[in-house]
Every structure is written in C-alpha cells, then in structure tokens.
Protein backbone atom coordinates (compact mmCIF):
# COMPACT_ATOMS: atom_id res chain seq x y z
CA MET A 1 -0.14 -0.21 -0.14
CA LYS A 2 1.09 3.22 -1.12
CA TYR A 3 1.06 7.12 0.57
CA LEU A 4 -0.68 9.01 -1.79
CA THR A 5 -1.16 12.52 -2.78
CA PRO A 6 -4.19 15.01 -2.02
CA LYS A 7 -4.92 14.91 -5.59
CA GLU A 8 -4.83 10.85 -6.16
CA VAL A 9 -7.22 10.67 -2.69
CA ILE A 10 -9.96 13.23 -4.34
CA LYS A 11 -9.70 10.47 -7.43
CA LYS A 12 -10.76 7.32 -5.56
CA ILE A 13 -13.33 10.31 -3.69
CA ASN A 14 -14.76 10.86 -6.79
CA GLY A 15 -18.78 11.51 -7.14
CA HIS A 16 -19.02 12.32 -3.30
CA PRO A 17 -18.68 16.11 -3.20
CA ASP A 18 -19.58 16.45 0.19
CA CYS A 19 -16.43 14.03 1.24
CA ALA A 20 -14.01 15.56 -1.22
CA ALA A 21 -15.06 18.67 0.30
CA GLU A 22 -13.92 17.47 3.30
CA PHE A 23 -11.41 15.88 2.66
CA MET A 24 -9.51 19.33 1.22
CA LEU A 25 -10.83 21.12 4.36
CA ALA A 26 -8.37 18.65 6.32
CA ASN A 27 -6.02 19.42 3.66
CA TYR A 28 -5.87 23.18 4.52
CA GLU A 29 -3.33 24.57 6.52
CA LEU A 30 -2.28 20.76 8.01
CA ASP A 31 0.87 20.36 9.99
CA GLN A 32 2.29 17.48 11.94
CA GLU A 33 0.24 18.59 15.19
CA ASP A 34 -2.90 17.99 13.54
CA LYS A 35 -2.28 14.75 12.64
CA ILE A 36 -4.56 12.74 14.63
CA TRP A 37 -7.31 15.10 14.08
CA ALA A 38 -6.93 14.82 10.53
CA ILE A 39 -6.54 11.14 10.17
CA LYS A 40 -9.98 10.77 12.71
CA GLU A 41 -11.62 13.34 10.83
CA VAL A 42 -11.34 11.77 7.34
CA ASN A 43 -11.57 8.68 8.18
CA ARG A 44 -14.84 10.01 9.83
CA SER A 45 -16.27 10.90 6.43
CA PHE A 46 -15.08 7.96 4.79
CA ARG A 47 -17.52 7.01 7.06
CA ILE A 48 -20.59 9.31 6.64
CA ASN A 49 -20.21 9.52 2.97
CA HIS A 50 -19.88 5.12 3.36
CA LEU A 51 -16.93 5.12 1.65
CA PRO A 52 -14.83 1.47 1.76
CA MET A 53 -11.74 3.11 2.86
CA GLN A 54 -9.88 4.20 5.58
CA VAL A 55 -6.48 6.38 6.60
CA GLU A 56 -3.97 4.44 7.97
CA ASP A 57 -1.40 6.95 8.55
CA LEU A 58 -0.39 10.02 6.57
CA TYR A 59 3.37 11.90 6.11
CA PHE A 60 4.64 15.23 5.13
CA THR A 61 7.04 16.14 2.13
CA LYS A 62 9.84 18.16 2.82
CA ASN A 63 8.34 20.36 1.32
CA LYS A 64 5.30 19.75 3.77
CA GLU A 65 2.98 18.44 1.37
CA VAL A 66 0.76 16.03 3.13
CA HIS A 67 0.70 12.34 1.56
CA TRP A 68 -1.99 9.74 2.63
CA LYS A 69 -1.64 5.68 3.29
CA ILE A 70 -5.50 4.92 2.23
CA LYS A 71 -6.90 1.12 2.74
CA GLU A 72 -9.60 0.04 0.99
CA LEU A 73 -12.08 -1.83 2.89
CA ASN A 74 -14.14 -4.54 1.63
CA ALA A 75 -17.60 -3.05 0.14
CA ASN A 76 -20.39 -5.64 1.89
C-alpha cells in the first residue's frame, strides 16, 4: 500500500462531493500537530459517506505536502 497525494485521494472519492470537500478542508494548513485530528476527521467523513476506505497514516514531505496512506476496505 503506497501513500497518495491529496489529488490521488480526491480521484478515489470521485462522485462524493461532500466527502471531497471535507477531505480538502482537512488538508488546508495541515501540520504535524494536526496529524491525529486529520486522520480521525477524514475517517469519519469516509464512514458518513459510506466509502469503503480508511486512512492508516499520513506523512509530510520536505516541502510540507501531505501524503495519505489509504486502505481499501471490503464493500459489503
């Protein structure tokens, strides 16, 4: 499982504009101190919008870009 850029995550969220908007807000001015909050918030949004995905981790590049580790869940 690889880390994805916000644009790559948005492509996976395609068709769920509310979830995409919440995801983009979670990325806005995000820093290391917000890491736990961001993971919980995005996972909450995935659950509310019934998306079979879960954030397992995120990291910041040297340029302070966020990369998300997303796990695909079984859609039952």
